[in-house]
All heavy atoms as atom14 arrays in JSON, in Angstrom:
{
  "sequence": "DQRAARQQDARRTAYATFLAAAELRADELGPGGRFVLAGARRQG",
  "atom14_mask": [
    [1, 1, 1, 1, 1, 1, 1, 1, 0, 0, 0, 0, 0, 0],
    [1, 1, 1, 1, 1, 1, 1, 1, 1, 0, 0, 0, 0, 0],
    [1, 1, 1, 1, 1, 1, 1, 1, 1, 1, 1, 0, 0, 0],
    [1, 1, 1, 1, 1, 0, 0, 0, 0, 0, 0, 0, 0, 0],
    [1, 1, 1, 1, 1, 0, 0, 0, 0, 0, 0, 0, 0, 0],
    [1, 1, 1, 1, 1, 1, 1, 1, 1, 1, 1, 0, 0, 0],
    [1, 1, 1, 1, 1, 1, 1, 1, 1, 0, 0, 0, 0, 0],
    [1, 1, 1, 1, 1, 1, 1, 1, 1, 0, 0, 0, 0, 0],
    [1, 1, 1, 1, 1, 1, 1, 1, 0, 0, 0, 0, 0, 0],
    [1, 1, 1, 1, 1, 0, 0, 0, 0, 0, 0, 0, 0, 0],
    [1, 1, 1, 1, 1, 1, 1, 1, 1, 1, 1, 0, 0, 0],
    [1, 1, 1, 1, 1, 1, 1, 1, 1, 1, 1, 0, 0, 0],
    [1, 1, 1, 1, 1, 1, 1, 0, 0, 0, 0, 0, 0, 0],
    [1, 1, 1, 1, 1, 0, 0, 0, 0, 0, 0, 0, 0, 0],
    [1, 1, 1, 1, 1, 1, 1, 1, 1, 1, 1, 1, 0, 0],
    [1, 1, 1, 1, 1, 0, 0, 0, 0, 0, 0, 0, 0, 0],
    [1, 1, 1, 1, 1, 1, 1, 0, 0, 0, 0, 0, 0, 0],
    [1, 1, 1, 1, 1, 1, 1, 1, 1, 1, 1, 0, 0, 0],
    [1, 1, 1, 1, 1, 1, 1, 1, 0, 0, 0, 0, 0, 0],
    [1, 1, 1, 1, 1, 0, 0, 0, 0, 0, 0, 0, 0, 0],
    [1, 1, 1, 1, 1, 0, 0, 0, 0, 0, 0, 0, 0, 0],
    [1, 1, 1, 1, 1, 0, 0, 0, 0, 0, 0, 0, 0, 0],
    [1, 1, 1, 1, 1, 1, 1, 1, 1, 0, 0, 0, 0, 0],
    [1, 1, 1, 1, 1, 1, 1, 1, 0, 0, 0, 0, 0, 0],
    [1, 1, 1, 1, 1, 1, 1, 1, 1, 1, 1, 0, 0, 0],
    [1, 1, 1, 1, 1, 0, 0, 0, 0, 0, 0, 0, 0, 0],
    [1, 1, 1, 1, 1, 1, 1, 1, 0, 0, 0, 0, 0, 0],
    [1, 1, 1, 1, 1, 1, 1, 1, 1, 0, 0, 0, 0, 0],
    [1, 1, 1, 1, 1, 1, 1, 1, 0, 0, 0, 0, 0, 0],
    [1, 1, 1, 1, 0, 0, 0, 0, 0, 0, 0, 0, 0, 0],
    [1, 1, 1, 1, 1, 1, 1, 0, 0, 0, 0, 0, 0, 0],
    [1, 1, 1, 1, 0, 0, 0, 0, 0, 0, 0, 0, 0, 0],
    [1, 1, 1, 1, 0, 0, 0, 0, 0, 0, 0, 0, 0, 0],
    [1, 1, 1, 1, 1, 1, 1, 1, 1, 1, 1, 0, 0, 0],
    [1, 1, 1, 1, 1, 1, 1, 1, 1, 1, 1, 0, 0, 0],
    [1, 1, 1, 1, 1, 1, 1, 0, 0, 0, 0, 0, 0, 0],
    [1, 1, 1, 1, 1, 1, 1, 1, 0, 0, 0, 0, 0, 0],
    [1, 1, 1, 1, 1, 0, 0, 0, 0, 0, 0, 0, 0, 0],
    [1, 1, 1, 1, 0, 0, 0, 0, 0, 0, 0, 0, 0, 0],
    [1, 1, 1, 1, 1, 0, 0, 0, 0, 0, 0, 0, 0, 0],
    [1, 1, 1, 1, 1, 1, 1, 1, 1, 1, 1, 0, 0, 0],
    [1, 1, 1, 1, 1, 1, 1, 1, 1, 1, 1, 0, 0, 0],
    [1, 1, 1, 1, 1, 1, 1, 1, 1, 0, 0, 0, 0, 0],
    [1, 1, 1, 1, 0, 0, 0, 0, 0, 0, 0, 0, 0, 0]
  ],
  "atom14_positions": [
    [[77.95, 103.62, 130.85], [77.62, 102.65, 129.87], [76.24, 101.92, 130.16], [75.49, 101.7, 129.33], [78.75, 101.63, 129.63], [79.92, 102.26, 128.94], [79.87, 103.43, 128.47], [81.07, 101.68, 128.96], [0.0, 0.0, 0.0], [0.0, 0.0, 0.0], [0.0, 0.0, 0.0], [0.0, 0.0, 0.0], [0.0, 0.0, 0.0], [0.0, 0.0, 0.0]],
    [[76.23, 101.47, 131.32], [74.94, 100.82, 131.94], [73.81, 101.7, 131.7], [72.72, 101.22, 131.28], [75.11, 100.22, 133.23], [76.08, 99.02, 133.39], [76.43, 98.72, 134.86], [76.07, 99.27, 135.75], [77.08, 97.47, 135.05], [0.0, 0.0, 0.0], [0.0, 0.0, 0.0], [0.0, 0.0, 0.0], [0.0, 0.0, 0.0], [0.0, 0.0, 0.0]],
    [[73.94, 102.88, 132.02], [72.69, 103.86, 132.0], [72.36, 104.03, 130.56], [71.29, 104.13, 130.26], [73.24, 105.27, 132.7], [72.07, 106.27, 132.78], [72.51, 107.48, 133.43], [73.11, 107.4, 134.69], [74.48, 107.66, 134.94], [75.26, 107.96, 134.01], [74.94, 107.4, 136.11], [0.0, 0.0, 0.0], [0.0, 0.0, 0.0], [0.0, 0.0, 0.0]],
    [[73.32, 104.23, 129.66], [73.17, 104.4, 128.25], [72.45, 103.1, 127.67], [71.55, 103.27, 126.91], [74.34, 104.7, 127.47], [0.0, 0.0, 0.0], [0.0, 0.0, 0.0], [0.0, 0.0, 0.0], [0.0, 0.0, 0.0], [0.0, 0.0, 0.0], [0.0, 0.0, 0.0], [0.0, 0.0, 0.0], [0.0, 0.0, 0.0], [0.0, 0.0, 0.0]],
    [[72.81, 101.91, 128.07], [72.24, 100.77, 127.61], [70.75, 100.64, 128.11], [69.88, 100.19, 127.31], [73.01, 99.45, 128.14], [0.0, 0.0, 0.0], [0.0, 0.0, 0.0], [0.0, 0.0, 0.0], [0.0, 0.0, 0.0], [0.0, 0.0, 0.0], [0.0, 0.0, 0.0], [0.0, 0.0, 0.0], [0.0, 0.0, 0.0], [0.0, 0.0, 0.0]],
    [[70.52, 100.98, 129.4], [69.11, 101.09, 129.89], [68.28, 102.04, 129.15], [67.16, 101.74, 128.77], [69.07, 101.39, 131.4], [69.46, 100.17, 132.28], [69.21, 100.51, 133.69], [69.75, 101.67, 134.15], [70.93, 101.89, 134.76], [71.78, 100.92, 134.91], [71.28, 103.03, 135.19], [0.0, 0.0, 0.0], [0.0, 0.0, 0.0], [0.0, 0.0, 0.0]],
    [[68.82, 103.16, 128.77], [68.1, 104.1, 128.12], [67.81, 103.67, 126.63], [66.64, 103.74, 126.13], [68.95, 105.5, 127.98], [68.08, 106.56, 127.22], [68.84, 107.86, 127.06], [70.16, 107.83, 126.97], [68.15, 108.97, 127.05], [0.0, 0.0, 0.0], [0.0, 0.0, 0.0], [0.0, 0.0, 0.0], [0.0, 0.0, 0.0], [0.0, 0.0, 0.0]],
    [[68.81, 103.01, 125.95], [68.57, 102.42, 124.64], [67.52, 101.33, 124.65], [66.61, 101.38, 123.88], [69.85, 101.78, 124.19], [70.89, 102.82, 123.68], [70.51, 103.64, 122.44], [69.82, 104.58, 122.66], [70.96, 103.18, 121.36], [0.0, 0.0, 0.0], [0.0, 0.0, 0.0], [0.0, 0.0, 0.0], [0.0, 0.0, 0.0], [0.0, 0.0, 0.0]],
    [[67.5, 100.52, 125.73], [66.49, 99.48, 125.87], [65.05, 100.15, 126.0], [64.16, 99.72, 125.53], [66.81, 98.58, 127.01], [67.92, 97.53, 126.69], [68.27, 97.44, 125.56], [68.5, 97.06, 127.66], [0.0, 0.0, 0.0], [0.0, 0.0, 0.0], [0.0, 0.0, 0.0], [0.0, 0.0, 0.0], [0.0, 0.0, 0.0], [0.0, 0.0, 0.0]],
    [[65.04, 101.18, 126.87], [63.79, 101.89, 127.05], [63.21, 102.46, 125.78], [62.01, 102.28, 125.47], [63.84, 102.85, 128.22], [0.0, 0.0, 0.0], [0.0, 0.0, 0.0], [0.0, 0.0, 0.0], [0.0, 0.0, 0.0], [0.0, 0.0, 0.0], [0.0, 0.0, 0.0], [0.0, 0.0, 0.0], [0.0, 0.0, 0.0], [0.0, 0.0, 0.0]],
    [[64.15, 103.09, 125.12], [63.62, 103.68, 123.84], [63.29, 102.62, 122.77], [62.17, 102.83, 122.1], [64.77, 104.52, 123.2], [64.95, 105.8, 123.89], [66.18, 106.64, 123.3], [66.12, 107.97, 123.75], [67.02, 108.9, 123.5], [67.92, 108.64, 122.53], [66.89, 110.04, 124.04], [0.0, 0.0, 0.0], [0.0, 0.0, 0.0], [0.0, 0.0, 0.0]],
    [[64.07, 101.69, 122.68], [63.71, 100.48, 121.81], [62.31, 99.86, 122.06], [61.56, 99.69, 121.21], [64.79, 99.41, 121.86], [64.63, 98.28, 120.77], [65.81, 97.32, 120.76], [67.05, 97.94, 120.28], [68.1, 98.21, 121.14], [67.97, 97.94, 122.53], [69.17, 98.91, 120.71], [0.0, 0.0, 0.0], [0.0, 0.0, 0.0], [0.0, 0.0, 0.0]],
    [[62.07, 99.65, 123.33], [60.74, 99.22, 123.8], [59.71, 100.15, 123.56], [58.61, 99.72, 122.98], [60.88, 98.82, 125.35], [61.76, 97.86, 125.53], [59.42, 98.34, 125.76], [0.0, 0.0, 0.0], [0.0, 0.0, 0.0], [0.0, 0.0, 0.0], [0.0, 0.0, 0.0], [0.0, 0.0, 0.0], [0.0, 0.0, 0.0], [0.0, 0.0, 0.0]],
    [[59.81, 101.51, 123.73], [58.82, 102.47, 123.45], [58.57, 102.53, 121.94], [57.44, 102.62, 121.59], [59.31, 103.78, 123.98], [0.0, 0.0, 0.0], [0.0, 0.0, 0.0], [0.0, 0.0, 0.0], [0.0, 0.0, 0.0], [0.0, 0.0, 0.0], [0.0, 0.0, 0.0], [0.0, 0.0, 0.0], [0.0, 0.0, 0.0], [0.0, 0.0, 0.0]],
    [[59.64, 102.38, 121.21], [59.43, 102.54, 119.68], [58.69, 101.37, 119.14], [57.83, 101.49, 118.32], [60.79, 102.7, 118.94], [61.66, 103.9, 119.42], [62.98, 103.83, 119.1], [61.18, 105.05, 120.04], [63.72, 105.06, 119.46], [61.86, 105.95, 120.35], [63.17, 106.11, 120.08], [63.96, 107.21, 120.41], [0.0, 0.0, 0.0], [0.0, 0.0, 0.0]],
    [[59.09, 100.15, 119.64], [58.4, 98.99, 119.2], [56.98, 98.97, 119.59], [56.13, 98.47, 118.82], [59.18, 97.69, 119.73], [0.0, 0.0, 0.0], [0.0, 0.0, 0.0], [0.0, 0.0, 0.0], [0.0, 0.0, 0.0], [0.0, 0.0, 0.0], [0.0, 0.0, 0.0], [0.0, 0.0, 0.0], [0.0, 0.0, 0.0], [0.0, 0.0, 0.0]],
    [[56.76, 99.32, 120.86], [55.46, 99.42, 121.33], [54.5, 100.32, 120.51], [53.32, 100.1, 120.18], [55.32, 99.87, 122.82], [56.07, 98.92, 123.61], [53.88, 99.91, 123.3], [0.0, 0.0, 0.0], [0.0, 0.0, 0.0], [0.0, 0.0, 0.0], [0.0, 0.0, 0.0], [0.0, 0.0, 0.0], [0.0, 0.0, 0.0], [0.0, 0.0, 0.0]],
    [[55.08, 101.51, 120.2], [54.37, 102.51, 119.42], [54.1, 101.88, 118.0], [52.93, 102.1, 117.44], [55.1, 103.87, 119.28], [54.54, 104.82, 118.37], [53.39, 105.59, 118.72], [54.99, 105.03, 117.15], [52.7, 106.49, 117.94], [54.33, 106.01, 116.24], [53.23, 106.62, 116.68], [0.0, 0.0, 0.0], [0.0, 0.0, 0.0], [0.0, 0.0, 0.0]],
    [[55.04, 101.32, 117.37], [54.93, 100.84, 116.0], [53.91, 99.68, 115.95], [52.86, 99.76, 115.05], [56.3, 100.2, 115.63], [56.4, 99.89, 114.08], [55.99, 101.08, 113.24], [57.73, 99.36, 113.81], [0.0, 0.0, 0.0], [0.0, 0.0, 0.0], [0.0, 0.0, 0.0], [0.0, 0.0, 0.0], [0.0, 0.0, 0.0], [0.0, 0.0, 0.0]],
    [[53.92, 98.89, 116.92], [52.79, 97.81, 117.05], [51.47, 98.39, 117.25], [50.52, 97.99, 116.61], [53.18, 96.81, 118.16], [0.0, 0.0, 0.0], [0.0, 0.0, 0.0], [0.0, 0.0, 0.0], [0.0, 0.0, 0.0], [0.0, 0.0, 0.0], [0.0, 0.0, 0.0], [0.0, 0.0, 0.0], [0.0, 0.0, 0.0], [0.0, 0.0, 0.0]],
    [[51.22, 99.37, 118.13], [49.97, 100.01, 118.41], [49.52, 100.77, 117.12], [48.36, 100.79, 116.76], [50.08, 100.97, 119.55], [0.0, 0.0, 0.0], [0.0, 0.0, 0.0], [0.0, 0.0, 0.0], [0.0, 0.0, 0.0], [0.0, 0.0, 0.0], [0.0, 0.0, 0.0], [0.0, 0.0, 0.0], [0.0, 0.0, 0.0], [0.0, 0.0, 0.0]],
    [[50.55, 101.44, 116.38], [50.18, 102.15, 115.23], [49.61, 101.13, 114.1], [48.63, 101.41, 113.44], [51.26, 102.99, 114.73], [0.0, 0.0, 0.0], [0.0, 0.0, 0.0], [0.0, 0.0, 0.0], [0.0, 0.0, 0.0], [0.0, 0.0, 0.0], [0.0, 0.0, 0.0], [0.0, 0.0, 0.0], [0.0, 0.0, 0.0], [0.0, 0.0, 0.0]],
    [[50.38, 100.08, 114.05], [49.86, 99.12, 113.01], [48.57, 98.42, 113.31], [47.71, 98.23, 112.44], [50.96, 98.06, 112.88], [52.26, 98.45, 112.18], [53.46, 97.44, 112.12], [53.32, 96.47, 112.83], [54.33, 97.76, 111.34], [0.0, 0.0, 0.0], [0.0, 0.0, 0.0], [0.0, 0.0, 0.0], [0.0, 0.0, 0.0], [0.0, 0.0, 0.0]],
    [[48.32, 98.28, 114.61], [47.07, 97.68, 114.97], [45.85, 98.67, 114.65], [44.74, 98.41, 114.1], [46.96, 97.36, 116.37], [47.71, 95.91, 116.7], [47.76, 95.76, 118.27], [47.03, 94.88, 116.09], [0.0, 0.0, 0.0], [0.0, 0.0, 0.0], [0.0, 0.0, 0.0], [0.0, 0.0, 0.0], [0.0, 0.0, 0.0], [0.0, 0.0, 0.0]],
    [[46.13, 99.96, 115.05], [45.12, 101.01, 114.69], [45.03, 101.19, 113.23], [43.87, 101.29, 112.73], [45.69, 102.29, 115.37], [44.68, 103.46, 115.13], [43.35, 103.27, 115.82], [42.67, 104.49, 115.69], [41.33, 104.55, 115.76], [40.57, 103.36, 115.78], [40.71, 105.61, 115.56], [0.0, 0.0, 0.0], [0.0, 0.0, 0.0], [0.0, 0.0, 0.0]],
    [[46.1, 101.13, 112.45], [45.99, 101.32, 110.98], [45.19, 100.2, 110.45], [44.37, 100.3, 109.45], [47.41, 101.41, 110.3], [0.0, 0.0, 0.0], [0.0, 0.0, 0.0], [0.0, 0.0, 0.0], [0.0, 0.0, 0.0], [0.0, 0.0, 0.0], [0.0, 0.0, 0.0], [0.0, 0.0, 0.0], [0.0, 0.0, 0.0], [0.0, 0.0, 0.0]],
    [[45.41, 99.01, 110.98], [44.64, 97.75, 110.52], [43.23, 97.93, 110.77], [42.44, 97.55, 109.88], [45.31, 96.59, 111.13], [44.78, 95.24, 110.67], [44.41, 95.22, 109.45], [44.53, 94.33, 111.54], [0.0, 0.0, 0.0], [0.0, 0.0, 0.0], [0.0, 0.0, 0.0], [0.0, 0.0, 0.0], [0.0, 0.0, 0.0], [0.0, 0.0, 0.0]],
    [[42.91, 98.44, 111.9], [41.53, 98.73, 112.33], [40.82, 99.64, 111.34], [39.66, 99.46, 111.14], [41.48, 99.25, 113.73], [40.05, 99.45, 114.29], [40.2, 99.99, 115.77], [40.28, 99.01, 116.72], [40.31, 101.07, 115.97], [0.0, 0.0, 0.0], [0.0, 0.0, 0.0], [0.0, 0.0, 0.0], [0.0, 0.0, 0.0], [0.0, 0.0, 0.0]],
    [[41.6, 100.62, 110.93], [41.04, 101.78, 110.1], [41.15, 101.39, 108.62], [40.63, 102.06, 107.7], [41.79, 103.02, 110.25], [41.62, 103.69, 111.74], [42.51, 104.88, 111.76], [40.22, 104.07, 111.94], [0.0, 0.0, 0.0], [0.0, 0.0, 0.0], [0.0, 0.0, 0.0], [0.0, 0.0, 0.0], [0.0, 0.0, 0.0], [0.0, 0.0, 0.0]],
    [[41.89, 100.23, 108.27], [42.21, 99.97, 106.9], [40.97, 99.59, 106.08], [39.81, 99.35, 106.54], [0.0, 0.0, 0.0], [0.0, 0.0, 0.0], [0.0, 0.0, 0.0], [0.0, 0.0, 0.0], [0.0, 0.0, 0.0], [0.0, 0.0, 0.0], [0.0, 0.0, 0.0], [0.0, 0.0, 0.0], [0.0, 0.0, 0.0], [0.0, 0.0, 0.0]],
    [[41.19, 99.58, 104.76], [40.1, 99.3, 103.84], [39.74, 97.8, 103.82], [40.27, 97.18, 102.87], [40.65, 99.75, 102.5], [42.18, 99.57, 102.61], [42.44, 99.87, 104.11], [0.0, 0.0, 0.0], [0.0, 0.0, 0.0], [0.0, 0.0, 0.0], [0.0, 0.0, 0.0], [0.0, 0.0, 0.0], [0.0, 0.0, 0.0], [0.0, 0.0, 0.0]],
    [[38.86, 97.38, 104.66], [38.42, 95.98, 104.6], [39.47, 94.93, 104.84], [39.34, 93.81, 104.35], [0.0, 0.0, 0.0], [0.0, 0.0, 0.0], [0.0, 0.0, 0.0], [0.0, 0.0, 0.0], [0.0, 0.0, 0.0], [0.0, 0.0, 0.0], [0.0, 0.0, 0.0], [0.0, 0.0, 0.0], [0.0, 0.0, 0.0], [0.0, 0.0, 0.0]],
    [[40.53, 95.29, 105.42], [41.55, 94.26, 105.68], [42.86, 94.92, 106.1], [42.96, 96.09, 106.35], [0.0, 0.0, 0.0], [0.0, 0.0, 0.0], [0.0, 0.0, 0.0], [0.0, 0.0, 0.0], [0.0, 0.0, 0.0], [0.0, 0.0, 0.0], [0.0, 0.0, 0.0], [0.0, 0.0, 0.0], [0.0, 0.0, 0.0], [0.0, 0.0, 0.0]],
    [[43.96, 94.12, 106.11], [45.13, 94.5, 106.67], [45.97, 95.07, 105.49], [46.0, 94.55, 104.43], [45.89, 93.46, 107.33], [45.1, 92.95, 108.51], [45.51, 91.5, 109.06], [46.8, 91.12, 108.63], [47.73, 90.95, 109.5], [47.53, 91.14, 110.82], [48.96, 90.67, 109.1], [0.0, 0.0, 0.0], [0.0, 0.0, 0.0], [0.0, 0.0, 0.0]],
    [[46.77, 96.19, 105.8], [47.62, 96.69, 104.83], [49.06, 96.95, 105.26], [49.91, 97.61, 104.76], [47.05, 98.04, 104.14], [46.89, 99.13, 105.27], [47.8, 100.0, 105.52], [45.52, 99.23, 105.74], [47.62, 101.03, 106.41], [45.33, 100.3, 106.69], [46.36, 101.21, 106.94], [0.0, 0.0, 0.0], [0.0, 0.0, 0.0], [0.0, 0.0, 0.0]],
    [[49.25, 96.45, 106.61], [50.54, 96.54, 107.16], [51.01, 95.23, 107.64], [50.19, 94.23, 107.8], [50.6, 97.6, 108.28], [50.34, 98.95, 107.76], [49.53, 97.26, 109.33], [0.0, 0.0, 0.0], [0.0, 0.0, 0.0], [0.0, 0.0, 0.0], [0.0, 0.0, 0.0], [0.0, 0.0, 0.0], [0.0, 0.0, 0.0], [0.0, 0.0, 0.0]],
    [[52.22, 95.18, 108.14], [52.74, 93.83, 108.63], [52.56, 93.67, 110.1], [53.38, 93.5, 110.91], [54.3, 93.73, 108.29], [54.62, 93.95, 106.8], [56.21, 93.97, 106.64], [54.11, 92.77, 106.05], [0.0, 0.0, 0.0], [0.0, 0.0, 0.0], [0.0, 0.0, 0.0], [0.0, 0.0, 0.0], [0.0, 0.0, 0.0], [0.0, 0.0, 0.0]],
    [[51.23, 93.84, 110.52], [51.0, 93.89, 111.98], [50.55, 92.38, 112.32], [50.26, 91.61, 111.43], [49.75, 94.86, 112.15], [0.0, 0.0, 0.0], [0.0, 0.0, 0.0], [0.0, 0.0, 0.0], [0.0, 0.0, 0.0], [0.0, 0.0, 0.0], [0.0, 0.0, 0.0], [0.0, 0.0, 0.0], [0.0, 0.0, 0.0], [0.0, 0.0, 0.0]],
    [[50.66, 92.19, 113.64], [50.31, 90.83, 114.12], [48.82, 90.73, 114.13], [48.01, 91.67, 113.72], [0.0, 0.0, 0.0], [0.0, 0.0, 0.0], [0.0, 0.0, 0.0], [0.0, 0.0, 0.0], [0.0, 0.0, 0.0], [0.0, 0.0, 0.0], [0.0, 0.0, 0.0], [0.0, 0.0, 0.0], [0.0, 0.0, 0.0], [0.0, 0.0, 0.0]],
    [[48.31, 89.64, 114.41], [46.75, 89.32, 114.42], [46.2, 90.47, 115.34], [46.63, 90.77, 116.48], [46.5, 88.01, 114.95], [0.0, 0.0, 0.0], [0.0, 0.0, 0.0], [0.0, 0.0, 0.0], [0.0, 0.0, 0.0], [0.0, 0.0, 0.0], [0.0, 0.0, 0.0], [0.0, 0.0, 0.0], [0.0, 0.0, 0.0], [0.0, 0.0, 0.0]],
    [[44.99, 90.85, 114.98], [44.17, 91.83, 115.71], [43.91, 91.19, 117.11], [43.5, 90.03, 117.24], [43.09, 92.16, 114.99], [42.24, 93.3, 115.81], [41.01, 93.76, 115.02], [41.42, 94.17, 113.66], [40.61, 94.66, 112.83], [39.41, 95.04, 113.14], [40.95, 94.9, 111.58], [0.0, 0.0, 0.0], [0.0, 0.0, 0.0], [0.0, 0.0, 0.0]],
    [[44.07, 91.9, 118.14], [43.86, 91.39, 119.48], [42.31, 91.77, 119.77], [41.91, 92.98, 119.6], [44.74, 92.14, 120.52], [46.32, 91.84, 120.31], [47.0, 92.45, 121.15], [47.03, 93.91, 120.77], [47.68, 94.87, 121.46], [48.37, 94.62, 122.43], [47.7, 96.12, 120.98], [0.0, 0.0, 0.0], [0.0, 0.0, 0.0], [0.0, 0.0, 0.0]],
    [[41.63, 90.88, 120.23], [40.29, 91.03, 120.48], [39.99, 91.73, 121.83], [40.82, 91.51, 122.83], [39.42, 89.73, 120.54], [39.46, 89.06, 119.2], [38.58, 87.9, 119.24], [37.93, 87.41, 120.24], [38.5, 87.13, 118.08], [0.0, 0.0, 0.0], [0.0, 0.0, 0.0], [0.0, 0.0, 0.0], [0.0, 0.0, 0.0], [0.0, 0.0, 0.0]],
    [[39.06, 92.62, 121.82], [38.68, 93.27, 123.15], [39.57, 94.41, 123.55], [39.43, 94.91, 124.63], [0.0, 0.0, 0.0], [0.0, 0.0, 0.0], [0.0, 0.0, 0.0], [0.0, 0.0, 0.0], [0.0, 0.0, 0.0], [0.0, 0.0, 0.0], [0.0, 0.0, 0.0], [0.0, 0.0, 0.0], [0.0, 0.0, 0.0], [0.0, 0.0, 0.0]]
  ]
}
């Protein structure tokens, strides 16, 4: 059960990280502004 919980946490973190990175990239490529529910663009 502990191993499964750790795996779930690792997956959840990977999925959230990917989603955030995808939203930032989409925002960067977007038409003159944001079109997704991403956080503020990180500078640098």
